[in-house]
Amino acid sequence: MAIATKYQTGSPLPDDKIEGIRETVHETQPAQSASEPALLSLFRRRVKRNPDEIATQPSVFDDPKKAQYHQPHPRYENLHRFDPDFTWTWGEEASLIWKINWRISLWAWIIFLALNLDNACLVQAQADNFLKDLKLNTNDYNLGNTTYRLAFLFTEVPSQLISKKFGPDRWIPILMILWGIVSASQLFLAGRTSFLVTRAIIGFLQGGFIPDIVLYLSYFFKGNELPLRMAILWTADRCKDIVAPLLAYGILRTRGHVHAYEAGWRWLFLVEGVLNVFIGATSFFMMAPSPTQTKAWWRPKGWFNETEEKILVNRILRDDPSKGDMHNRQAINPRLIWKAFCILFSIPVGPPKQYLTLSLRGLGFSTFETNLLSIPPQVFTSITMLLLTYASEKLNQRAYLGLLNQLWYLPCLVSLAVLPYHTTVAKHKWSTYALITVLLSYPSPHPMQVAWCSRNSNSVRTRAISAAMYNMAVQLSVIISSNVYRDDDKPEYRRGNRVLVAITCLNIVLYAATKAYYVRRNRSKEKRWNAMSEEERSEYLKGATDQGNRKLDYRFVS
């Protein structure tokens, strides 16, 4: 007989029954055989859960000696729903996960799409003589992208600090409305100065968005659930490269039909900006501060009942007790910032994506052919990104899969760097398009690495800032990439592609070194921890000055 039929779920259990539940939980956990290669876990059939069985997972709260050192902060916003003896079934959890996917993940996907739409529209504007109309050249375009990224970079941490104080459910909508207004104002661009100013302001306003949304999702999902949600979220980044060409295909046809502002790209920016303002205003009503704070005057019953709130809170804290270290309106003071500067990654972002429309026009495709041909790579890269993220959780590997991404880049970039232009590109534009499509269909490790960064943080204060720091590293790589293709190197960009080949080779080494670093750190911690007696471990947990991922009982994922 299942435990759920013997003891009512949603209520505390007697102490003498807790151990029995732990044993039952462990029995229902799919375990990888010690002799089974990690790769085979991809093909292992998923264990079918009995919806009436207990879903409560083992945690430090099951051990009274350890539990006292992992209690939530007294001001933790969900404290009134925390109950270490609370249990629930797989059926209840599955229903609840489905609900938060629709309530939380779906809207996060929509606002993430809105974030990236401005840059996608800028890329599409190139097909409508954007540079010529504003009397700009390739170097000016690069400077605009660099200005945007620098502004984006410098506001990452300040924006995250504001968001941690006021809450991402308030800060994100405000940012969206403001950058939507600036985006719409690009209708009136007059030249180089106005182009650079609007790029800087938009970057300034968008800088903290990505770490804000990562922090927001971490309030509702467990560590092993976050990577797939991040991958789905990043499909919005690809979908904006589908939505923008479709918008451009219709709106750019207005060129010459509106007397005051005849360029079609002007109206493309206006439509995109108004759409951002609308989504930002709607976000005030579609986001909630935490699992237990979903009630509002426009939502009097909230999203979850008391039992669902208890499931949400306890499943999250059992997975990661550090999420109860701070409340969701608690600011991070300067003394706490330095503790987050230990988790930094960088991923390569190549200029071929940024110059896709210009490259297609250079190959001889028309404006509207270019708009449509830019769509397939985004579809393919969305699929490969989801597969890579899924594999990272199944294999429990991140660094090696990041290295795989670099190996995808390498042959394509080498081909672009060495293939004879006049005999290959000029005469076989479809072959060149196919090569670029393969390159841009890469399995992006970005969502995997964001979740990796979050899991290795092991504290709210570190997680809040490390997401911003990680994204700052990404923006730095984009700034570098934005200046690889130069005006004197077109149309082949041979020199630029050779630089990209060198960077890719360097990143292969960096991923391998990252894996080795984390393995070494874990072995060192394991050795010190195993050398302690039970009494010494208790004393360490009681008086340890180590915090977050520096604790000896914490292991990095790699």
Protein backbone atom coordinates (compact mmCIF):
# COMPACT_ATOMS: atom_id res chain seq x y z
CA MET A 1 0.00 0.00 0.00
CA ALA A 2 1.35 3.42 -0.93
CA ILE A 3 2.25 5.78 1.88
CA ALA A 4 -0.19 8.35 0.56
CA THR A 5 -3.05 5.99 1.39
CA LYS A 6 -1.81 5.35 4.94
CA TYR A 7 -1.05 8.94 5.91
CA GLN A 8 -2.89 11.96 4.66
CA THR A 9 -0.76 14.23 2.48
CA GLY A 10 -0.62 17.92 3.25
CA SER A 11 -0.12 17.28 6.98
CA PRO A 12 2.79 16.60 9.35
CA LEU A 13 3.79 12.98 9.95
CA PRO A 14 4.75 11.31 13.22
CA ASP A 15 8.50 11.25 13.84
CA ASP A 16 8.65 7.46 13.80
CA LYS A 17 7.26 7.42 10.25
CA ILE A 18 9.65 9.91 8.66
CA GLU A 19 12.42 7.37 8.22
CA GLY A 20 10.01 5.05 6.43
CA ILE A 21 9.15 7.82 4.00
CA ARG A 22 12.84 8.46 3.31
CA GLU A 23 13.30 4.81 2.45
CA THR A 24 10.26 4.84 0.16
CA VAL A 25 11.45 8.00 -1.57
CA HIS A 26 14.90 6.52 -2.17
CA GLU A 27 13.32 3.38 -3.59
CA THR A 28 11.36 5.38 -6.15
CA GLN A 29 14.39 7.41 -7.26
CA PRO A 30 15.92 6.28 -10.58
CA ALA A 31 19.56 5.55 -9.87
CA GLN A 32 22.30 5.31 -12.45
CA SER A 33 24.34 2.17 -12.09
CA ALA A 34 27.92 2.75 -11.10
CA SER A 35 29.01 0.78 -14.14
CA GLU A 36 26.62 2.48 -16.54
CA PRO A 37 28.29 5.04 -18.85
CA ALA A 38 26.81 8.53 -18.46
CA LEU A 39 25.95 8.66 -22.17
CA LEU A 40 23.59 5.69 -21.80
CA SER A 41 21.46 7.67 -19.34
CA LEU A 42 20.16 9.62 -22.33
CA PHE A 43 18.44 6.47 -23.54
CA ARG A 44 17.22 5.14 -20.20
CA ARG A 45 13.44 5.03 -20.05
CA ARG A 46 11.91 7.53 -17.69
CA VAL A 47 10.53 5.96 -14.53
CA LYS A 48 6.75 6.14 -14.48
CA ARG A 49 5.59 7.65 -11.21
CA ASN A 50 2.62 6.37 -9.24
CA PRO A 51 0.59 9.57 -8.74
CA ASP A 52 -0.43 8.39 -5.26
CA GLU A 53 3.11 7.85 -4.00
CA ILE A 54 4.92 10.37 -1.82
CA ALA A 55 6.95 12.89 -3.83
CA THR A 56 8.70 14.53 -0.86
CA GLN A 57 12.45 14.28 -1.51
CA PRO A 58 15.20 13.66 1.07
CA SER A 59 16.93 16.79 2.35
CA VAL A 60 18.96 18.19 5.23
CA PHE A 61 15.68 18.93 7.01
CA ASP A 62 15.26 15.18 7.63
CA ASP A 63 18.31 15.21 9.90
CA PRO A 64 17.68 17.19 13.13
CA LYS A 65 21.40 17.81 13.57
CA LYS A 66 21.75 19.40 10.13
CA ALA A 67 18.31 21.01 9.93
CA GLN A 68 19.09 23.56 12.64
CA TYR A 69 21.82 25.06 10.43
CA HIS A 70 19.61 25.42 7.35
CA GLN A 71 16.49 27.13 8.71
CA PRO A 72 14.99 29.91 6.54
CA HIS A 73 15.62 33.55 7.39
CA PRO A 74 13.09 34.94 9.93
CA ARG A 75 11.90 37.45 7.31
CA TYR A 76 11.71 34.92 4.46
CA GLU A 77 8.46 35.77 2.66
CA ASN A 78 7.32 32.12 2.47
CA LEU A 79 8.22 31.19 6.05
CA HIS A 80 4.57 30.68 7.08
CA ARG A 81 4.31 27.83 4.52
CA PHE A 82 7.57 26.12 5.47
CA ASP A 83 7.05 22.75 7.18
CA PRO A 84 9.85 20.15 7.08
CA ASP A 85 7.36 17.35 7.91
CA PHE A 86 4.94 18.29 5.13
CA THR A 87 4.39 15.66 2.42
CA TRP A 88 2.68 15.52 -0.96
CA THR A 89 2.19 13.09 -3.83
CA TRP A 90 3.61 12.92 -7.35
CA GLY A 91 0.13 13.61 -8.71
CA GLU A 92 -0.17 16.83 -6.70
CA GLU A 93 3.31 17.95 -7.74
CA ALA A 94 2.79 17.21 -11.44
CA SER A 95 -0.44 19.21 -11.48
CA LEU A 96 1.25 22.12 -9.71
CA ILE A 97 4.28 22.14 -12.04
CA TRP A 98 1.91 22.30 -15.00
CA LYS A 99 0.22 25.30 -13.39
CA ILE A 100 3.42 27.26 -12.72
CA ASN A 101 4.63 26.49 -16.23
CA TRP A 102 1.59 28.31 -17.56
CA ARG A 103 1.52 31.06 -14.94
CA ILE A 104 5.24 31.79 -14.66
CA SER A 105 7.22 30.28 -17.54
CA LEU A 106 4.86 31.32 -20.34
CA TRP A 107 4.82 35.00 -19.42
CA ALA A 108 8.58 34.96 -18.79
CA TRP A 109 8.93 33.65 -22.36
CA ILE A 110 6.76 36.45 -23.74
CA ILE A 111 8.66 39.25 -22.00
CA PHE A 112 11.98 37.68 -23.00
CA LEU A 113 10.81 37.77 -26.61
CA ALA A 114 10.03 41.47 -26.16
CA LEU A 115 13.53 42.12 -24.76
CA ASN A 116 15.25 40.86 -27.89
CA LEU A 117 12.85 42.26 -30.46
CA ASP A 118 14.58 45.64 -30.77
CA ASN A 119 17.93 44.14 -31.75
CA ALA A 120 16.21 41.77 -34.17
CA CYS A 121 14.43 44.70 -35.81
CA LEU A 122 17.74 46.56 -36.09
CA VAL A 123 19.19 43.58 -37.96
CA GLN A 124 16.19 43.49 -40.30
CA ALA A 125 16.42 47.24 -40.88
CA GLN A 126 19.75 46.66 -42.63
CA ALA A 127 17.85 45.05 -45.48
CA ASP A 128 15.92 48.32 -46.01
CA ASN A 129 18.95 50.59 -46.56
CA PHE A 130 19.09 51.62 -42.90
CA LEU A 131 22.80 52.49 -43.04
CA LYS A 132 22.49 54.37 -46.31
CA ASP A 133 19.49 56.41 -45.13
CA LEU A 134 21.39 57.55 -42.01
CA LYS A 135 24.70 57.95 -43.89
CA LEU A 136 26.39 55.28 -41.76
CA ASN A 137 29.00 52.65 -42.64
CA THR A 138 29.87 49.25 -41.19
CA ASN A 139 32.14 50.76 -38.55
CA ASP A 140 29.35 53.09 -37.38
CA TYR A 141 27.04 50.09 -37.12
CA ASN A 142 29.69 48.26 -35.07
CA LEU A 143 30.07 51.30 -32.82
CA GLY A 144 26.32 51.39 -32.26
CA ASN A 145 26.30 47.75 -31.20
CA THR A 146 29.34 48.32 -28.98
CA THR A 147 27.69 51.34 -27.35
CA TYR A 148 24.57 49.28 -26.68
CA ARG A 149 26.57 46.43 -25.14
CA LEU A 150 28.69 48.72 -22.97
CA ALA A 151 25.59 50.43 -21.57
CA PHE A 152 24.02 46.99 -21.11
CA LEU A 153 27.17 45.79 -19.35
CA PHE A 154 27.55 48.67 -16.88
CA THR A 155 23.93 48.53 -15.68
CA GLU A 156 23.82 44.75 -15.03
CA VAL A 157 24.76 44.86 -11.35
CA PRO A 158 23.07 48.20 -10.43
CA SER A 159 19.84 47.04 -12.03
CA GLN A 160 20.06 43.71 -10.20
CA LEU A 161 20.54 45.51 -6.87
CA ILE A 162 17.44 47.62 -7.52
CA SER A 163 15.49 44.54 -8.57
CA LYS A 164 16.50 42.67 -5.42
CA LYS A 165 15.26 45.60 -3.30
CA PHE A 166 11.94 46.25 -5.06
CA GLY A 167 11.35 42.85 -6.64
CA PRO A 168 11.61 41.72 -10.29
CA ASP A 169 7.80 41.70 -10.51
CA ARG A 170 7.89 45.52 -10.21
CA TRP A 171 11.23 46.40 -11.78
CA ILE A 172 10.92 44.39 -15.01
CA PRO A 173 7.63 46.03 -16.14
CA ILE A 174 9.05 49.51 -15.46
CA LEU A 175 12.13 48.79 -17.56
CA MET A 176 10.06 47.38 -20.41
CA ILE A 177 7.82 50.43 -20.64
CA LEU A 178 10.81 52.79 -20.65
CA TRP A 179 12.82 50.95 -23.30
CA GLY A 180 9.66 50.54 -25.38
CA ILE A 181 9.24 54.32 -25.46
CA VAL A 182 12.87 54.80 -26.54
CA SER A 183 12.56 52.06 -29.18
CA ALA A 184 9.49 53.70 -30.66
CA SER A 185 11.34 57.05 -30.77
CA GLN A 186 13.73 55.54 -33.33
CA LEU A 187 11.06 56.56 -35.83
CA PHE A 188 12.77 59.97 -35.71
CA LEU A 189 16.43 58.88 -36.15
CA ALA A 190 18.31 61.52 -38.12
CA GLY A 191 21.93 60.34 -38.24
CA ARG A 192 24.93 58.95 -36.44
CA THR A 193 24.47 60.86 -33.16
CA SER A 194 20.81 59.98 -32.64
CA PHE A 195 21.56 56.36 -33.56
CA LEU A 196 24.32 56.07 -30.94
CA VAL A 197 22.27 57.87 -28.25
CA THR A 198 19.24 55.60 -28.64
CA ARG A 199 21.48 52.51 -28.68
CA ALA A 200 23.05 53.63 -25.39
CA ILE A 201 19.72 54.40 -23.67
CA ILE A 202 18.14 51.10 -24.73
CA GLY A 203 21.20 49.18 -23.53
CA PHE A 204 21.11 51.09 -20.24
CA LEU A 205 17.47 50.12 -19.65
CA GLN A 206 17.77 46.49 -20.76
CA GLY A 207 20.98 45.74 -18.85
CA GLY A 208 19.50 44.08 -15.76
CA PHE A 209 16.66 42.22 -17.43
CA ILE A 210 18.24 38.78 -17.90
CA PRO A 211 19.57 38.34 -14.32
CA ASP A 212 16.22 39.69 -13.08
CA ILE A 213 14.26 37.03 -14.94
CA VAL A 214 16.67 34.29 -13.80
CA LEU A 215 16.18 35.37 -10.18
CA TYR A 216 12.40 35.49 -10.70
CA LEU A 217 12.25 31.93 -12.08
CA SER A 218 14.45 30.62 -9.26
CA TYR A 219 11.69 31.58 -6.80
CA PHE A 220 9.37 28.99 -8.36
CA PHE A 221 11.55 26.17 -9.77
CA LYS A 222 14.05 23.67 -8.38
CA GLY A 223 17.66 23.64 -9.52
CA ASN A 224 17.25 20.65 -11.84
CA GLU A 225 14.11 22.18 -13.37
CA LEU A 226 15.67 25.55 -14.17
CA PRO A 227 17.95 24.53 -17.10
CA LEU A 228 15.08 23.32 -19.29
CA ARG A 229 13.01 26.40 -18.43
CA MET A 230 15.99 28.57 -19.33
CA ALA A 231 16.39 26.70 -22.62
CA ILE A 232 12.71 27.22 -23.42
CA LEU A 233 13.13 30.86 -22.40
CA TRP A 234 16.05 31.22 -24.82
CA THR A 235 13.93 29.90 -27.66
CA ALA A 236 12.31 33.34 -27.42
CA ASP A 237 15.69 34.77 -28.43
CA ARG A 238 15.47 32.62 -31.56
CA CYS A 239 11.79 33.30 -32.12
CA LYS A 240 12.42 37.05 -32.19
CA ASP A 241 14.55 36.30 -35.26
CA ILE A 242 11.45 34.71 -36.74
CA VAL A 243 8.94 37.34 -35.60
CA ALA A 244 11.11 40.30 -36.67
CA PRO A 245 11.56 39.10 -40.30
CA LEU A 246 7.82 38.47 -40.57
CA LEU A 247 7.07 41.95 -39.22
CA ALA A 248 9.71 43.39 -41.52
CA TYR A 249 8.33 41.52 -44.53
CA GLY A 250 5.08 43.47 -44.16
CA ILE A 251 6.16 46.77 -42.63
CA LEU A 252 9.21 47.43 -44.82
CA ARG A 253 6.87 47.50 -47.81
CA THR A 254 5.64 50.90 -46.57
CA ARG A 255 8.82 52.53 -47.95
CA GLY A 256 7.82 55.34 -50.23
CA HIS A 257 4.14 55.24 -49.22
CA VAL A 258 4.34 57.56 -46.19
CA HIS A 259 5.39 61.09 -47.08
CA ALA A 260 6.79 62.31 -43.73
CA TYR A 261 8.86 59.23 -42.88
CA GLU A 262 9.05 57.17 -46.03
CA ALA A 263 11.63 54.57 -44.88
CA GLY A 264 9.92 51.35 -43.87
CA TRP A 265 12.45 50.62 -41.09
CA ARG A 266 11.22 53.69 -39.17
CA TRP A 267 7.73 52.21 -38.86
CA LEU A 268 9.22 48.85 -37.93
CA PHE A 269 10.84 50.45 -34.87
CA LEU A 270 7.60 52.26 -33.98
CA VAL A 271 5.53 49.08 -34.03
CA GLU A 272 8.16 47.19 -32.02
CA GLY A 273 8.33 49.97 -29.40
CA VAL A 274 4.57 50.18 -28.94
CA LEU A 275 4.43 46.39 -28.56
CA ASN A 276 7.09 46.55 -25.82
CA VAL A 277 5.15 49.24 -23.92
CA PHE A 278 1.98 47.14 -24.07
CA ILE A 279 3.71 43.97 -22.84
CA GLY A 280 5.49 45.92 -20.09
CA ALA A 281 2.24 47.44 -18.81
CA THR A 282 0.54 44.04 -18.90
CA SER A 283 3.43 42.52 -16.90
CA PHE A 284 2.37 44.49 -13.82
CA PHE A 285 -0.70 42.25 -13.72
CA MET A 286 0.94 39.01 -14.89
CA MET A 287 3.87 38.68 -12.44
CA ALA A 288 3.80 37.77 -8.74
CA PRO A 289 6.42 38.42 -6.02
CA SER A 290 6.62 34.82 -4.75
CA PRO A 291 4.67 31.54 -4.53
CA THR A 292 2.77 32.79 -1.46
CA GLN A 293 2.18 36.36 -2.69
CA THR A 294 -0.02 35.90 -5.74
CA LYS A 295 -3.13 37.63 -4.40
CA ALA A 296 -3.87 41.19 -5.56
CA TRP A 297 -6.92 43.41 -6.04
CA TRP A 298 -7.17 42.23 -9.66
CA ARG A 299 -6.51 38.63 -8.58
CA PRO A 300 -8.35 38.28 -5.23
CA LYS A 301 -8.12 34.46 -5.05
CA GLY A 302 -4.47 34.28 -6.13
CA TRP A 303 -3.01 31.47 -8.20
CA PHE A 304 -2.54 28.80 -5.54
CA ASN A 305 -4.42 27.45 -2.55
CA GLU A 306 -2.74 26.81 0.81
CA THR A 307 -1.72 23.24 0.03
CA GLU A 308 -0.23 24.24 -3.32
CA GLU A 309 1.72 27.05 -1.67
CA LYS A 310 3.13 24.62 0.89
CA ILE A 311 4.16 22.21 -1.86
CA LEU A 312 5.88 25.00 -3.80
CA VAL A 313 7.76 26.35 -0.81
CA ASN A 314 8.85 23.04 0.69
CA ARG A 315 9.90 21.40 -2.57
CA ILE A 316 12.10 24.41 -3.37
CA LEU A 317 13.70 24.61 0.09
CA ARG A 318 14.26 20.84 0.23
CA ASP A 319 16.08 21.10 -3.09
CA ASP A 320 18.10 24.19 -2.09
CA PRO A 321 17.83 25.46 1.51
CA SER A 322 19.88 28.54 0.56
CA LYS A 323 16.83 30.00 -1.20
CA GLY A 324 15.44 30.81 2.24
CA ASP A 325 18.50 32.88 3.25
CA MET A 326 16.93 36.22 2.30
CA HIS A 327 13.47 37.61 1.64
CA ASN A 328 12.51 38.79 -1.84
CA ARG A 329 12.49 42.50 -0.99
CA GLN A 330 15.82 42.47 0.84
CA ALA A 331 18.51 44.61 -0.71
CA ILE A 332 22.07 43.38 -1.23
CA ASN A 333 24.47 45.78 0.44
CA PRO A 334 28.01 46.42 -0.85
CA ARG A 335 29.53 44.11 1.77
CA LEU A 336 27.61 41.20 0.22
CA ILE A 337 28.45 41.95 -3.43
CA TRP A 338 32.06 40.77 -3.36
CA LYS A 339 30.88 37.29 -2.32
CA ALA A 340 29.26 36.82 -5.73
CA PHE A 341 32.28 37.47 -7.94
CA CYS A 342 33.43 33.86 -8.01
CA ILE A 343 31.22 32.39 -10.76
CA LEU A 344 31.99 33.80 -14.21
CA PHE A 345 31.66 32.21 -17.62
CA SER A 346 31.88 33.49 -21.16
CA ILE A 347 30.40 32.09 -24.32
CA PRO A 348 31.34 32.88 -27.91
CA VAL A 349 28.86 34.91 -29.96
CA GLY A 350 30.04 35.24 -33.53
CA PRO A 351 29.56 38.20 -35.87
CA PRO A 352 28.00 35.97 -38.58
CA LYS A 353 24.66 36.19 -36.74
CA GLN A 354 24.90 39.97 -36.35
CA TYR A 355 25.79 40.37 -40.02
CA LEU A 356 23.39 37.76 -41.36
CA THR A 357 21.14 40.13 -43.31
CA LEU A 358 24.06 42.15 -44.68
CA SER A 359 25.78 38.91 -45.74
CA LEU A 360 22.66 37.66 -47.50
CA ARG A 361 22.25 40.95 -49.33
CA GLY A 362 25.92 40.75 -50.29
CA LEU A 363 25.30 37.30 -51.76
CA GLY A 364 22.72 38.80 -54.10
CA PHE A 365 19.45 38.00 -52.31
CA SER A 366 16.71 40.65 -52.40
CA THR A 367 15.40 42.49 -49.33
CA PHE A 368 12.38 40.24 -48.90
CA GLU A 369 14.31 37.03 -49.69
CA THR A 370 16.76 38.08 -46.99
CA ASN A 371 13.94 38.58 -44.47
CA LEU A 372 12.63 35.06 -45.05
CA LEU A 373 16.00 33.30 -45.38
CA SER A 374 17.04 34.56 -41.96
CA ILE A 375 14.31 32.43 -40.32
CA PRO A 376 15.51 28.78 -40.79
CA PRO A 377 18.74 29.13 -38.73
CA GLN A 378 16.69 30.38 -35.77
CA VAL A 379 14.37 27.38 -35.93
CA PHE A 380 17.26 24.90 -36.11
CA THR A 381 19.28 26.53 -33.31
CA SER A 382 16.21 26.50 -31.03
CA ILE A 383 15.93 22.74 -31.50
CA THR A 384 19.64 22.03 -30.96
CA MET A 385 19.68 24.32 -27.89
CA LEU A 386 16.83 22.40 -26.26
CA LEU A 387 18.55 19.09 -27.02
CA LEU A 388 21.85 20.29 -25.54
CA THR A 389 20.16 21.54 -22.36
CA TYR A 390 18.23 18.28 -21.97
CA ALA A 391 21.45 16.32 -22.42
CA SER A 392 23.22 18.44 -19.78
CA GLU A 393 20.74 17.33 -17.11
CA LYS A 394 20.56 13.72 -18.25
CA LEU A 395 24.36 13.38 -18.41
CA ASN A 396 24.98 15.76 -15.49
CA GLN A 397 27.68 17.42 -17.61
CA ARG A 398 28.06 21.08 -18.57
CA ALA A 399 31.67 21.89 -19.43
CA TYR A 400 32.01 19.04 -21.91
CA LEU A 401 28.79 20.03 -23.67
CA GLY A 402 29.96 23.64 -23.82
CA LEU A 403 33.10 22.35 -25.48
CA LEU A 404 30.91 20.48 -27.97
CA ASN A 405 29.39 23.81 -28.97
CA GLN A 406 32.86 25.13 -29.86
CA LEU A 407 33.55 22.05 -31.99
CA TRP A 408 30.35 22.86 -33.91
CA TYR A 409 31.67 26.35 -34.68
CA LEU A 410 35.17 25.34 -35.71
CA PRO A 411 34.74 23.65 -39.14
CA CYS A 412 32.20 26.27 -40.28
CA LEU A 413 34.45 29.18 -39.33
CA VAL A 414 37.49 27.53 -40.91
CA SER A 415 35.49 27.12 -44.13
CA LEU A 416 34.46 30.79 -44.12
CA ALA A 417 38.06 31.78 -43.51
CA VAL A 418 39.72 29.74 -46.26
CA LEU A 419 37.21 28.95 -49.03
CA PRO A 420 37.99 30.90 -52.24
CA TYR A 421 35.43 33.69 -52.49
CA HIS A 422 35.26 34.29 -56.24
CA THR A 423 34.89 30.61 -57.16
CA THR A 424 32.69 29.55 -54.27
CA VAL A 425 30.68 32.39 -52.78
CA ALA A 426 29.97 34.54 -55.81
CA LYS A 427 28.95 31.62 -58.04
CA HIS A 428 27.31 29.38 -55.44
CA LYS A 429 25.35 31.67 -53.14
CA TRP A 430 23.07 28.85 -51.99
CA SER A 431 26.05 26.75 -50.89
CA THR A 432 27.36 29.70 -48.90
CA TYR A 433 23.91 30.24 -47.40
CA ALA A 434 23.82 26.56 -46.39
CA LEU A 435 27.22 26.91 -44.68
CA ILE A 436 26.07 30.00 -42.75
CA THR A 437 22.84 28.23 -41.80
CA VAL A 438 24.75 25.26 -40.36
CA LEU A 439 26.97 27.64 -38.38
CA LEU A 440 24.01 29.59 -36.96
CA SER A 441 22.11 26.39 -36.10
CA TYR A 442 24.58 25.73 -33.28
CA PRO A 443 23.41 24.23 -29.96
CA SER A 444 23.69 27.30 -27.75
CA PRO A 445 24.99 26.56 -24.23
CA HIS A 446 23.67 29.88 -22.95
CA PRO A 447 20.61 28.65 -20.97
CA MET A 448 22.58 25.66 -19.68
CA GLN A 449 25.30 27.98 -18.40
CA VAL A 450 22.87 30.43 -16.79
CA ALA A 451 21.32 27.55 -14.84
CA TRP A 452 24.81 26.18 -14.13
CA CYS A 453 25.81 29.52 -12.68
CA SER A 454 22.64 29.64 -10.56
CA ARG A 455 23.15 26.13 -9.15
CA ASN A 456 26.79 26.76 -8.29
CA SER A 457 25.92 29.96 -6.41
CA ASN A 458 24.28 28.17 -3.43
CA SER A 459 22.95 31.37 -1.81
CA VAL A 460 20.38 34.01 -2.70
CA ARG A 461 22.83 36.92 -2.48
CA THR A 462 25.35 35.13 -4.68
CA ARG A 463 22.71 33.93 -7.13
CA ALA A 464 21.29 37.43 -7.53
CA ILE A 465 24.65 38.97 -8.45
CA SER A 466 26.30 36.01 -10.18
CA ALA A 467 23.54 36.01 -12.81
CA ALA A 468 24.39 39.64 -13.53
CA MET A 469 28.12 38.94 -13.53
CA TYR A 470 27.69 36.01 -15.91
CA ASN A 471 25.68 38.14 -18.27
CA MET A 472 28.29 40.90 -18.06
CA ALA A 473 30.85 38.37 -19.28
CA VAL A 474 28.51 37.52 -22.15
CA GLN A 475 28.13 41.19 -23.05
CA LEU A 476 31.90 41.63 -23.04
CA SER A 477 32.22 38.79 -25.52
CA VAL A 478 29.53 40.38 -27.69
CA ILE A 479 31.35 43.73 -27.57
CA ILE A 480 34.50 42.04 -28.82
CA SER A 481 32.56 40.18 -31.51
CA SER A 482 30.86 43.37 -32.66
CA ASN A 483 34.25 44.73 -33.68
CA VAL A 484 35.71 41.67 -35.39
CA TYR A 485 34.18 42.34 -38.82
CA ARG A 486 35.55 45.66 -40.08
CA ASP A 487 34.64 47.79 -43.08
CA ASP A 488 38.04 47.25 -44.74
CA ASP A 489 37.62 43.47 -44.46
CA LYS A 490 34.33 43.09 -46.33
CA PRO A 491 32.74 41.32 -48.11
CA GLU A 492 34.74 38.16 -47.32
CA TYR A 493 35.74 39.09 -43.75
CA ARG A 494 38.66 36.67 -44.00
CA ARG A 495 40.67 38.37 -41.30
CA GLY A 496 37.64 38.48 -39.00
CA ASN A 497 36.89 34.79 -39.52
CA ARG A 498 40.48 33.84 -38.72
CA VAL A 499 40.15 35.75 -35.44
CA LEU A 500 36.97 33.80 -34.68
CA VAL A 501 38.77 30.51 -35.36
CA ALA A 502 41.48 31.48 -32.87
CA ILE A 503 38.90 32.47 -30.22
CA THR A 504 37.06 29.18 -30.71
CA CYS A 505 40.26 27.19 -30.17
CA LEU A 506 40.96 29.20 -27.02
CA ASN A 507 37.45 28.51 -25.69
CA ILE A 508 37.95 24.76 -26.17
CA VAL A 509 40.91 25.01 -23.81
CA LEU A 510 38.92 27.17 -21.35
CA TYR A 511 36.02 24.72 -21.14
CA ALA A 512 38.42 21.84 -20.46
CA ALA A 513 40.18 23.93 -17.81
CA THR A 514 36.85 24.83 -16.17
CA LYS A 515 35.93 21.15 -15.90
CA ALA A 516 39.32 20.34 -14.37
CA TYR A 517 39.00 23.22 -11.88
CA TYR A 518 35.62 22.10 -10.51
CA VAL A 519 36.68 18.45 -10.31
CA ARG A 520 39.75 19.49 -8.32
CA ARG A 521 37.71 21.73 -6.00
CA ASN A 522 35.19 18.96 -5.30
CA ARG A 523 37.91 16.41 -4.57
CA SER A 524 39.61 18.83 -2.18
CA LYS A 525 36.34 19.49 -0.33
CA GLU A 526 35.49 15.79 -0.25
CA LYS A 527 38.86 14.93 1.26
CA ARG A 528 38.53 17.53 4.03
CA TRP A 529 34.90 16.64 4.76
CA ASN A 530 35.55 12.90 4.96
CA ALA A 531 38.45 13.49 7.34
CA MET A 532 36.03 15.02 9.90
CA SER A 533 34.15 13.07 12.53
CA GLU A 534 30.39 13.54 12.97
CA GLU A 535 31.02 15.84 15.93
CA GLU A 536 33.52 17.91 13.95
CA ARG A 537 31.05 18.24 11.08
CA SER A 538 28.34 19.46 13.45
CA GLU A 539 30.72 22.00 14.97
CA TYR A 540 31.76 23.15 11.49
CA LEU A 541 28.14 23.69 10.38
CA LYS A 542 27.39 25.49 13.61
CA GLY A 543 30.28 27.95 13.54
CA ALA A 544 31.59 27.92 9.98
CA THR A 545 32.51 31.26 8.46
CA ASP A 546 32.37 29.72 4.97
CA GLN A 547 29.19 30.63 3.14
CA GLY A 548 27.43 29.66 -0.08
CA ASN A 549 29.51 27.52 -2.41
CA ARG A 550 32.56 27.75 -0.13
CA LYS A 551 31.00 25.38 2.41
CA LEU A 552 32.77 22.04 2.71
CA ASP A 553 29.50 20.10 2.45
CA TYR A 554 28.67 21.71 -0.92
CA ARG A 555 29.73 20.21 -4.27
CA PHE A 556 29.98 22.12 -7.53
CA VAL A 557 28.27 20.81 -10.65
CA SER A 558 30.45 20.74 -13.73
